[in-house]
Amino acid sequence: MKYLLTLSLIFYTIVGFGQADEIVTNKIIVQLHKAGLGKEVLISKIQSSKCNFDLSTDELIKLKQSGVPDDVIAAMLNKLGNSTNKVKGEESGTLSDLTPGIYYCKGTPCEYVELETSVYSQANTGSGMLTGLTYGIAKTKNKATLSGVSSNFKIENNSNPFFYFYFDKSTSNNFGNSGGQSVWFASATSPNEFILVKFSISSNKKNREVVTGSWNSYEGMTTGIDDKNKIEFKFEKISKGIYKVFTEKPLEKGQYCFMYAGGATTYGHAPMQKVYDFSVE
């Protein structure tokens, strides 16, 4: 009797947790399974929680190798299917009416809040003269710099934000390309063409910045965002031209942006370019 009471308390505690803002992932399911919770409890957890599962072939194999019961994996697949259908339903009524761009999903159901673009400039930092005086050892770095230490677009009390990338289905009117005014990322058609970047604050405490390249005599020229400033993200295709974008790991407080990959590799004094910046408070 005492055992049944304890099991019941665990069950209702798990269900209660599912009603909070916790996002249940593959990792959490594996952890709960290894803790000895039965499949009935895990399925109830899945059904009552917000979930963000990766159910690709490789991940399904990992779940099976971890001993997760087939019934639980089936519940995960069913939850993902229901979630996708729900988003499609919202999209057909709201998202499809929006113009191409990147939108933050605020609240439940989603209030689609558009991220505005900010202009960044690229400039050399470090001294080319110092590179010469040190016989090419000292590096001259190139940085993308945004004015101000914080974005005007603030995400508060949410370290697991969702975004929707909306590309015009005709691919001729994407991301600010309306009215025939071509912009540098107008031809983008997939989130794969963007990088999620975390900015550092400049030494003078006036700007946000990230290194986009460097040069010295020994290593030559390197271009691209350093891996330590890149934040891995994943996406699901909701329908043609519409993608749900998210991170598996919570975002730390700080300054971020979605940067078009084609604009992150230019070295030297490049023209003014744009990013979709936001702040996680």
C-alpha atoms as a PDB file:
ATOM      1  CA  MET A   1       0.000   0.000   0.000  1.00  0.00           C
ATOM      2  CA  LYS A   2       2.860   2.343   0.922  1.00  0.00           C
ATOM      3  CA  TYR A   3       4.565   1.497  -2.380  1.00  0.00           C
ATOM      4  CA  LEU A   4       1.420   2.341  -4.370  1.00  0.00           C
ATOM      5  CA  LEU A   5       1.041   5.642  -2.527  1.00  0.00           C
ATOM      6  CA  THR A   6       4.654   6.563  -3.282  1.00  0.00           C
ATOM      7  CA  LEU A   7       4.221   5.663  -6.955  1.00  0.00           C
ATOM      8  CA  SER A   8       1.054   7.761  -7.128  1.00  0.00           C
ATOM      9  CA  LEU A   9       2.851  10.747  -5.639  1.00  0.00           C
ATOM     10  CA  ILE A  10       5.635  10.398  -8.204  1.00  0.00           C
ATOM     11  CA  PHE A  11       3.077  10.122 -11.008  1.00  0.00           C
ATOM     12  CA  TYR A  12       1.163  13.271 -10.049  1.00  0.00           C
ATOM     13  CA  THR A  13       4.387  15.158  -9.402  1.00  0.00           C
ATOM     14  CA  ILE A  14       5.613  14.312 -12.897  1.00  0.00           C
ATOM     15  CA  VAL A  15       2.296  15.309 -14.446  1.00  0.00           C
ATOM     16  CA  GLY A  16       2.326  18.543 -12.450  1.00  0.00           C
ATOM     17  CA  PHE A  17       5.806  19.374 -13.713  1.00  0.00           C
ATOM     18  CA  GLY A  18       4.562  18.885 -17.274  1.00  0.00           C
ATOM     19  CA  GLN A  19       2.219  21.817 -16.791  1.00  0.00           C
ATOM     20  CA  ALA A  20       5.113  24.196 -16.113  1.00  0.00           C
ATOM     21  CA  ASP A  21       7.338  25.824 -18.731  1.00  0.00           C
ATOM     22  CA  GLU A  22       9.801  22.922 -18.832  1.00  0.00           C
ATOM     23  CA  ILE A  23      10.623  21.696 -22.331  1.00  0.00           C
ATOM     24  CA  VAL A  24      10.915  17.901 -22.415  1.00  0.00           C
ATOM     25  CA  THR A  25      13.674  16.626 -24.719  1.00  0.00           C
ATOM     26  CA  ASN A  26      15.137  13.236 -25.667  1.00  0.00           C
ATOM     27  CA  LYS A  27      17.722  13.669 -22.916  1.00  0.00           C
ATOM     28  CA  ILE A  28      15.075  14.160 -20.231  1.00  0.00           C
ATOM     29  CA  ILE A  29      13.168  11.063 -21.352  1.00  0.00           C
ATOM     30  CA  VAL A  30      16.354   8.968 -21.191  1.00  0.00           C
ATOM     31  CA  GLN A  31      17.166  10.376 -17.739  1.00  0.00           C
ATOM     32  CA  LEU A  32      13.701   9.570 -16.398  1.00  0.00           C
ATOM     33  CA  HIS A  33      13.840   6.065 -17.859  1.00  0.00           C
ATOM     34  CA  LYS A  34      17.254   5.390 -16.302  1.00  0.00           C
ATOM     35  CA  ALA A  35      15.903   6.688 -12.982  1.00  0.00           C
ATOM     36  CA  GLY A  36      13.501   3.744 -13.035  1.00  0.00           C
ATOM     37  CA  LEU A  37      10.235   5.432 -13.942  1.00  0.00           C
ATOM     38  CA  GLY A  38       7.821   3.153 -15.806  1.00  0.00           C
ATOM     39  CA  LYS A  39       6.550   3.669 -19.320  1.00  0.00           C
ATOM     40  CA  GLU A  40       3.095   4.749 -18.094  1.00  0.00           C
ATOM     41  CA  VAL A  41       4.667   7.627 -16.143  1.00  0.00           C
ATOM     42  CA  LEU A  42       6.880   8.607 -19.085  1.00  0.00           C
ATOM     43  CA  ILE A  43       3.938   8.612 -21.499  1.00  0.00           C
ATOM     44  CA  SER A  44       1.908  10.797 -19.116  1.00  0.00           C
ATOM     45  CA  LYS A  45       4.874  13.141 -18.843  1.00  0.00           C
ATOM     46  CA  ILE A  46       5.048  13.408 -22.643  1.00  0.00           C
ATOM     47  CA  GLN A  47       1.319  13.976 -23.042  1.00  0.00           C
ATOM     48  CA  SER A  48       1.150  16.702 -20.384  1.00  0.00           C
ATOM     49  CA  SER A  49       4.327  18.623 -21.228  1.00  0.00           C
ATOM     50  CA  LYS A  50       5.725  20.964 -23.820  1.00  0.00           C
ATOM     51  CA  CYS A  51       8.109  18.820 -25.847  1.00  0.00           C
ATOM     52  CA  ASN A  52      10.960  19.406 -28.241  1.00  0.00           C
ATOM     53  CA  PHE A  53      12.031  15.979 -29.507  1.00  0.00           C
ATOM     54  CA  ASP A  54      14.624  15.098 -32.123  1.00  0.00           C
ATOM     55  CA  LEU A  55      13.199  11.974 -33.736  1.00  0.00           C
ATOM     56  CA  SER A  56      15.532  11.592 -36.672  1.00  0.00           C
ATOM     57  CA  THR A  57      16.638   8.057 -37.534  1.00  0.00           C
ATOM     58  CA  ASP A  58      19.919   8.396 -35.606  1.00  0.00           C
ATOM     59  CA  GLU A  59      18.155   9.713 -32.515  1.00  0.00           C
ATOM     60  CA  LEU A  60      15.542   6.946 -32.600  1.00  0.00           C
ATOM     61  CA  ILE A  61      18.374   4.415 -32.627  1.00  0.00           C
ATOM     62  CA  LYS A  62      19.987   6.156 -29.632  1.00  0.00           C
ATOM     63  CA  LEU A  63      16.685   6.066 -27.742  1.00  0.00           C
ATOM     64  CA  LYS A  64      16.361   2.330 -28.405  1.00  0.00           C
ATOM     65  CA  GLN A  65      19.968   1.706 -27.370  1.00  0.00           C
ATOM     66  CA  SER A  66      19.267   3.585 -24.136  1.00  0.00           C
ATOM     67  CA  GLY A  67      16.463   1.128 -23.391  1.00  0.00           C
ATOM     68  CA  VAL A  68      13.535   3.508 -23.812  1.00  0.00           C
ATOM     69  CA  PRO A  69      10.412   1.306 -24.347  1.00  0.00           C
ATOM     70  CA  ASP A  70       8.794   1.252 -27.788  1.00  0.00           C
ATOM     71  CA  ASP A  71       5.510   2.555 -26.333  1.00  0.00           C
ATOM     72  CA  VAL A  72       7.299   5.634 -25.019  1.00  0.00           C
ATOM     73  CA  ILE A  73       9.039   6.250 -28.355  1.00  0.00           C
ATOM     74  CA  ALA A  74       5.652   5.915 -30.087  1.00  0.00           C
ATOM     75  CA  ALA A  75       4.206   8.513 -27.681  1.00  0.00           C
ATOM     76  CA  MET A  76       7.092  10.837 -28.550  1.00  0.00           C
ATOM     77  CA  LEU A  77       6.412  10.420 -32.257  1.00  0.00           C
ATOM     78  CA  ASN A  78       2.702  11.015 -31.703  1.00  0.00           C
ATOM     79  CA  LYS A  79       3.416  14.143 -29.646  1.00  0.00           C
ATOM     80  CA  LEU A  80       5.671  15.529 -32.362  1.00  0.00           C
ATOM     81  CA  GLY A  81       3.002  14.873 -34.980  1.00  0.00           C
ATOM     82  CA  ASN A  82       0.306  16.587 -32.930  1.00  0.00           C
ATOM     83  CA  SER A  83       2.589  19.543 -32.235  1.00  0.00           C
ATOM     84  CA  THR A  84       3.386  19.964 -35.913  1.00  0.00           C
ATOM     85  CA  ASN A  85      -0.291  19.813 -36.829  1.00  0.00           C
ATOM     86  CA  LYS A  86      -1.090  22.438 -34.231  1.00  0.00           C
ATOM     87  CA  VAL A  87       1.561  24.780 -35.589  1.00  0.00           C
ATOM     88  CA  LYS A  88       0.268  24.229 -39.122  1.00  0.00           C
ATOM     89  CA  GLY A  89      -3.199  25.163 -37.924  1.00  0.00           C
ATOM     90  CA  GLU A  90      -1.904  28.374 -36.363  1.00  0.00           C
ATOM     91  CA  GLU A  91       0.143  29.091 -39.466  1.00  0.00           C
ATOM     92  CA  SER A  92      -2.811  28.750 -41.796  1.00  0.00           C
ATOM     93  CA  GLY A  93      -4.709  31.354 -39.815  1.00  0.00           C
ATOM     94  CA  THR A  94      -1.935  33.772 -38.871  1.00  0.00           C
ATOM     95  CA  LEU A  95       1.604  33.061 -39.974  1.00  0.00           C
ATOM     96  CA  SER A  96       0.736  32.686 -43.635  1.00  0.00           C
ATOM     97  CA  ASP A  97      -0.577  36.262 -43.592  1.00  0.00           C
ATOM     98  CA  LEU A  98       2.773  37.694 -42.492  1.00  0.00           C
ATOM     99  CA  THR A  99       5.494  39.099 -44.686  1.00  0.00           C
ATOM    100  CA  PRO A 100       8.810  37.244 -45.089  1.00  0.00           C
ATOM    101  CA  GLY A 101      11.109  37.606 -42.114  1.00  0.00           C
ATOM    102  CA  ILE A 102      12.027  36.130 -38.728  1.00  0.00           C
ATOM    103  CA  TYR A 103       9.429  36.029 -35.950  1.00  0.00           C
ATOM    104  CA  TYR A 104       9.686  35.307 -32.232  1.00  0.00           C
ATOM    105  CA  CYS A 105       6.968  33.049 -30.840  1.00  0.00           C
ATOM    106  CA  LYS A 106       5.754  34.914 -27.753  1.00  0.00           C
ATOM    107  CA  GLY A 107       3.408  33.073 -25.411  1.00  0.00           C
ATOM    108  CA  THR A 108       0.994  30.192 -26.034  1.00  0.00           C
ATOM    109  CA  PRO A 109      -0.596  30.230 -28.540  1.00  0.00           C
ATOM    110  CA  CYS A 110       2.055  32.129 -30.465  1.00  0.00           C
ATOM    111  CA  GLU A 111       1.988  35.851 -30.832  1.00  0.00           C
ATOM    112  CA  TYR A 112       4.284  36.321 -33.822  1.00  0.00           C
ATOM    113  CA  VAL A 113       6.576  39.260 -33.065  1.00  0.00           C
ATOM    114  CA  GLU A 114       8.840  40.253 -35.935  1.00  0.00           C
ATOM    115  CA  LEU A 115      12.546  40.788 -35.350  1.00  0.00           C
ATOM    116  CA  GLU A 116      13.796  44.002 -36.890  1.00  0.00           C
ATOM    117  CA  THR A 117      17.084  44.194 -38.738  1.00  0.00           C
ATOM    118  CA  SER A 118      20.044  46.137 -37.394  1.00  0.00           C
ATOM    119  CA  VAL A 119      22.953  47.439 -39.420  1.00  0.00           C
ATOM    120  CA  TYR A 120      26.450  46.324 -38.542  1.00  0.00           C
ATOM    121  CA  SER A 121      29.770  47.530 -39.865  1.00  0.00           C
ATOM    122  CA  GLN A 122      33.034  45.672 -40.251  1.00  0.00           C
ATOM    123  CA  ALA A 123      36.316  47.198 -39.222  1.00  0.00           C
ATOM    124  CA  ASN A 124      39.888  46.069 -38.656  1.00  0.00           C
ATOM    125  CA  THR A 125      41.010  45.940 -35.041  1.00  0.00           C
ATOM    126  CA  GLY A 126      44.534  45.529 -33.899  1.00  0.00           C
ATOM    127  CA  SER A 127      47.217  47.282 -35.830  1.00  0.00           C
ATOM    128  CA  GLY A 128      48.451  46.287 -39.236  1.00  0.00           C
ATOM    129  CA  MET A 129      51.619  48.167 -38.263  1.00  0.00           C
ATOM    130  CA  LEU A 130      51.935  45.961 -35.167  1.00  0.00           C
ATOM    131  CA  THR A 131      51.602  42.907 -37.383  1.00  0.00           C
ATOM    132  CA  GLY A 132      54.508  44.246 -39.407  1.00  0.00           C
ATOM    133  CA  LEU A 133      56.630  45.169 -36.377  1.00  0.00           C
ATOM    134  CA  THR A 134      56.196  41.699 -34.905  1.00  0.00           C
ATOM    135  CA  TYR A 135      57.237  40.138 -38.222  1.00  0.00           C
ATOM    136  CA  GLY A 136      53.697  38.975 -38.877  1.00  0.00           C
ATOM    137  CA  ILE A 137      53.081  37.310 -35.506  1.00  0.00           C
ATOM    138  CA  ALA A 138      50.485  39.737 -34.127  1.00  0.00           C
ATOM    139  CA  LYS A 139      47.054  39.314 -35.681  1.00  0.00           C
ATOM    140  CA  THR A 140      44.915  41.950 -37.283  1.00  0.00           C
ATOM    141  CA  LYS A 141      41.303  41.026 -36.576  1.00  0.00           C
ATOM    142  CA  ASN A 142      38.144  41.930 -38.402  1.00  0.00           C
ATOM    143  CA  LYS A 143      34.977  42.417 -36.357  1.00  0.00           C
ATOM    144  CA  ALA A 144      31.296  42.910 -37.043  1.00  0.00           C
ATOM    145  CA  THR A 145      30.121  45.663 -34.714  1.00  0.00           C
ATOM    146  CA  LEU A 146      26.620  46.749 -33.684  1.00  0.00           C
ATOM    147  CA  SER A 147      26.065  50.049 -31.912  1.00  0.00           C
ATOM    148  CA  GLY A 148      24.939  49.818 -28.291  1.00  0.00           C
ATOM    149  CA  VAL A 149      25.427  47.114 -25.691  1.00  0.00           C
ATOM    150  CA  SER A 150      21.877  45.753 -25.894  1.00  0.00           C
ATOM    151  CA  SER A 151      19.321  45.020 -28.586  1.00  0.00           C
ATOM    152  CA  ASN A 152      16.008  46.863 -28.632  1.00  0.00           C
ATOM    153  CA  PHE A 153      14.304  43.471 -29.072  1.00  0.00           C
ATOM    154  CA  LYS A 154      14.270  41.850 -25.637  1.00  0.00           C
ATOM    155  CA  ILE A 155      13.174  38.317 -24.773  1.00  0.00           C
ATOM    156  CA  GLU A 156      12.362  38.165 -21.080  1.00  0.00           C
ATOM    157  CA  ASN A 157      11.943  35.136 -18.825  1.00  0.00           C
ATOM    158  CA  ASN A 158      12.420  32.662 -21.670  1.00  0.00           C
ATOM    159  CA  SER A 159      15.738  30.885 -22.193  1.00  0.00           C
ATOM    160  CA  ASN A 160      14.216  28.461 -24.732  1.00  0.00           C
ATOM    161  CA  PRO A 161      12.744  30.805 -27.341  1.00  0.00           C
ATOM    162  CA  PHE A 162      11.164  29.579 -30.571  1.00  0.00           C
ATOM    163  CA  PHE A 163      11.453  31.452 -33.834  1.00  0.00           C
ATOM    164  CA  TYR A 164       9.739  31.115 -37.182  1.00  0.00           C
ATOM    165  CA  PHE A 165      11.628  31.803 -40.388  1.00  0.00           C
ATOM    166  CA  TYR A 166       9.189  32.792 -43.096  1.00  0.00           C
ATOM    167  CA  PHE A 167      10.489  32.697 -46.665  1.00  0.00           C
ATOM    168  CA  ASP A 168       8.268  33.771 -49.520  1.00  0.00           C
ATOM    169  CA  LYS A 169       7.222  30.646 -51.388  1.00  0.00           C
ATOM    170  CA  SER A 170       8.084  32.264 -54.714  1.00  0.00           C
ATOM    171  CA  THR A 171      11.649  32.935 -53.393  1.00  0.00           C
ATOM    172  CA  SER A 172      11.480  36.324 -55.094  1.00  0.00           C
ATOM    173  CA  ASN A 173      10.281  38.408 -52.152  1.00  0.00           C
ATOM    174  CA  ASN A 174      12.362  37.197 -49.241  1.00  0.00           C
ATOM    175  CA  PHE A 175      13.445  39.108 -46.164  1.00  0.00           C
ATOM    176  CA  GLY A 176      13.111  42.715 -47.154  1.00  0.00           C
ATOM    177  CA  ASN A 177      13.259  42.222 -50.884  1.00  0.00           C
ATOM    178  CA  SER A 178       9.792  43.639 -51.435  1.00  0.00           C
ATOM    179  CA  GLY A 179       9.335  46.417 -53.939  1.00  0.00           C
ATOM    180  CA  GLY A 180      12.154  45.070 -56.069  1.00  0.00           C
ATOM    181  CA  GLN A 181      14.828  46.452 -53.723  1.00  0.00           C
ATOM    182  CA  SER A 182      17.482  43.757 -53.636  1.00  0.00           C
ATOM    183  CA  VAL A 183      19.209  43.136 -50.309  1.00  0.00           C
ATOM    184  CA  TRP A 184      22.196  40.921 -49.637  1.00  0.00           C
ATOM    185  CA  PHE A 185      20.232  38.021 -48.089  1.00  0.00           C
ATOM    186  CA  ALA A 186      17.176  38.262 -50.318  1.00  0.00           C
ATOM    187  CA  SER A 187      17.858  34.936 -52.020  1.00  0.00           C
ATOM    188  CA  ALA A 188      17.954  32.940 -48.754  1.00  0.00           C
ATOM    189  CA  THR A 189      15.475  30.064 -48.681  1.00  0.00           C
ATOM    190  CA  SER A 190      16.441  28.035 -45.580  1.00  0.00           C
ATOM    191  CA  PRO A 191      17.586  28.544 -41.953  1.00  0.00           C
ATOM    192  CA  ASN A 192      20.668  26.540 -42.989  1.00  0.00           C
ATOM    193  CA  GLU A 193      21.907  29.753 -44.585  1.00  0.00           C
ATOM    194  CA  PHE A 194      21.980  31.597 -41.246  1.00  0.00           C
ATOM    195  CA  ILE A 195      24.205  31.479 -38.170  1.00  0.00           C
ATOM    196  CA  LEU A 196      23.029  32.125 -34.616  1.00  0.00           C
ATOM    197  CA  VAL A 197      25.760  34.287 -33.086  1.00  0.00           C
ATOM    198  CA  LYS A 198      26.413  35.412 -29.531  1.00  0.00           C
ATOM    199  CA  PHE A 199      28.014  38.841 -29.294  1.00  0.00           C
ATOM    200  CA  SER A 200      30.692  40.012 -26.897  1.00  0.00           C
ATOM    201  CA  ILE A 201      30.670  43.502 -25.442  1.00  0.00           C
ATOM    202  CA  SER A 202      33.463  45.744 -26.709  1.00  0.00           C
ATOM    203  CA  SER A 203      36.232  46.856 -24.379  1.00  0.00           C
ATOM    204  CA  ASN A 204      34.883  50.417 -24.374  1.00  0.00           C
ATOM    205  CA  LYS A 205      31.447  49.116 -23.278  1.00  0.00           C
ATOM    206  CA  LYS A 206      29.730  50.877 -26.167  1.00  0.00           C
ATOM    207  CA  ASN A 207      29.123  48.175 -28.766  1.00  0.00           C
ATOM    208  CA  ARG A 208      28.344  44.535 -29.431  1.00  0.00           C
ATOM    209  CA  GLU A 209      30.912  42.756 -31.543  1.00  0.00           C
ATOM    210  CA  VAL A 210      32.061  39.425 -32.930  1.00  0.00           C
ATOM    211  CA  VAL A 211      35.268  38.506 -34.749  1.00  0.00           C
ATOM    212  CA  THR A 212      34.620  37.592 -38.386  1.00  0.00           C
ATOM    213  CA  GLY A 213      38.199  37.043 -39.542  1.00  0.00           C
ATOM    214  CA  SER A 214      41.899  37.596 -38.822  1.00  0.00           C
ATOM    215  CA  TRP A 215      45.218  37.885 -40.585  1.00  0.00           C
ATOM    216  CA  ASN A 216      48.907  37.467 -39.899  1.00  0.00           C
ATOM    217  CA  SER A 217      51.932  36.439 -41.934  1.00  0.00           C
ATOM    218  CA  TYR A 218      52.157  32.913 -40.555  1.00  0.00           C
ATOM    219  CA  GLU A 219      48.563  31.737 -40.622  1.00  0.00           C
ATOM    220  CA  GLY A 220      47.457  33.910 -43.498  1.00  0.00           C
ATOM    221  CA  MET A 221      43.846  35.057 -43.705  1.00  0.00           C
ATOM    222  CA  THR A 222      41.053  33.262 -41.872  1.00  0.00           C
ATOM    223  CA  THR A 223      37.386  34.105 -42.265  1.00  0.00           C
ATOM    224  CA  GLY A 224      34.188  33.148 -40.517  1.00  0.00           C
ATOM    225  CA  ILE A 225      32.680  33.304 -37.039  1.00  0.00           C
ATOM    226  CA  ASP A 226      34.642  31.507 -34.327  1.00  0.00           C
ATOM    227  CA  ASP A 227      32.941  28.348 -33.068  1.00  0.00           C
ATOM    228  CA  LYS A 228      32.834  29.718 -29.511  1.00  0.00           C
ATOM    229  CA  ASN A 229      30.491  32.468 -30.726  1.00  0.00           C
ATOM    230  CA  LYS A 230      28.228  30.157 -32.729  1.00  0.00           C
ATOM    231  CA  ILE A 231      25.118  28.756 -31.063  1.00  0.00           C
ATOM    232  CA  GLU A 232      23.850  25.500 -32.533  1.00  0.00           C
ATOM    233  CA  PHE A 233      20.203  25.512 -33.495  1.00  0.00           C
ATOM    234  CA  LYS A 234      17.803  23.105 -35.141  1.00  0.00           C
ATOM    235  CA  PHE A 235      14.717  23.583 -37.242  1.00  0.00           C
ATOM    236  CA  GLU A 236      11.603  21.818 -38.438  1.00  0.00           C
ATOM    237  CA  LYS A 237       9.994  22.492 -41.784  1.00  0.00           C
ATOM    238  CA  ILE A 238       6.368  23.370 -41.093  1.00  0.00           C
ATOM    239  CA  SER A 239       5.337  23.910 -44.689  1.00  0.00           C
ATOM    240  CA  LYS A 240       6.886  25.295 -47.845  1.00  0.00           C
ATOM    241  CA  GLY A 241       8.861  28.385 -46.915  1.00  0.00           C
ATOM    242  CA  ILE A 242       8.045  28.193 -43.169  1.00  0.00           C
ATOM    243  CA  TYR A 243      10.452  26.799 -40.556  1.00  0.00           C
ATOM    244  CA  LYS A 244      10.310  26.519 -36.788  1.00  0.00           C
ATOM    245  CA  VAL A 245      13.761  27.296 -35.311  1.00  0.00           C
ATOM    246  CA  PHE A 246      14.895  26.430 -31.781  1.00  0.00           C
ATOM    247  CA  THR A 247      17.903  25.539 -29.627  1.00  0.00           C
ATOM    248  CA  GLU A 248      18.127  22.342 -27.608  1.00  0.00           C
ATOM    249  CA  LYS A 249      20.155  24.033 -24.867  1.00  0.00           C
ATOM    250  CA  PRO A 250      18.815  27.076 -23.011  1.00  0.00           C
ATOM    251  CA  LEU A 251      20.291  30.391 -24.103  1.00  0.00           C
ATOM    252  CA  GLU A 252      22.330  32.230 -21.504  1.00  0.00           C
ATOM    253  CA  LYS A 253      21.540  35.857 -20.820  1.00  0.00           C
ATOM    254  CA  GLY A 254      23.250  37.964 -23.444  1.00  0.00           C
ATOM    255  CA  GLN A 255      23.186  39.500 -26.896  1.00  0.00           C
ATOM    256  CA  TYR A 256      22.486  37.404 -30.000  1.00  0.00           C
ATOM    257  CA  CYS A 257      21.671  37.677 -33.666  1.00  0.00           C
ATOM    258  CA  PHE A 258      20.764  35.621 -36.687  1.00  0.00           C
ATOM    259  CA  MET A 259      23.398  36.442 -39.284  1.00  0.00           C
ATOM    260  CA  TYR A 260      23.288  35.452 -42.921  1.00  0.00           C
ATOM    261  CA  ALA A 261      26.256  33.118 -43.456  1.00  0.00           C
ATOM    262  CA  GLY A 262      27.153  34.786 -46.728  1.00  0.00           C
ATOM    263  CA  GLY A 263      27.723  38.058 -44.908  1.00  0.00           C
ATOM    264  CA  ALA A 264      29.944  36.667 -42.162  1.00  0.00           C
ATOM    265  CA  THR A 265      32.968  35.775 -44.278  1.00  0.00           C
ATOM    266  CA  THR A 266      33.868  39.124 -45.798  1.00  0.00           C
ATOM    267  CA  TYR A 267      37.279  40.414 -44.742  1.00  0.00           C
ATOM    268  CA  GLY A 268      38.336  44.021 -44.690  1.00  0.00           C
ATOM    269  CA  HIS A 269      36.151  47.100 -44.948  1.00  0.00           C
ATOM    270  CA  ALA A 270      32.884  45.614 -46.138  1.00  0.00           C
ATOM    271  CA  PRO A 271      29.699  47.539 -46.902  1.00  0.00           C
ATOM    272  CA  MET A 272      27.114  47.978 -44.166  1.00  0.00           C
ATOM    273  CA  GLN A 273      25.190  44.751 -43.652  1.00  0.00           C
ATOM    274  CA  LYS A 274      22.242  43.572 -41.563  1.00  0.00           C
ATOM    275  CA  VAL A 275      21.458  41.054 -38.839  1.00  0.00           C
ATOM    276  CA  TYR A 276      18.374  40.104 -36.834  1.00  0.00           C
ATOM    277  CA  ASP A 277      19.493  40.899 -33.276  1.00  0.00           C
ATOM    278  CA  PHE A 278      17.832  40.186 -29.955  1.00  0.00           C
ATOM    279  CA  SER A 279      18.608  40.155 -26.263  1.00  0.00           C
ATOM    280  CA  VAL A 280      17.874  37.346 -23.789  1.00  0.00           C
ATOM    281  CA  GLU A 281      17.187  38.975 -20.426  1.00  0.00           C
END
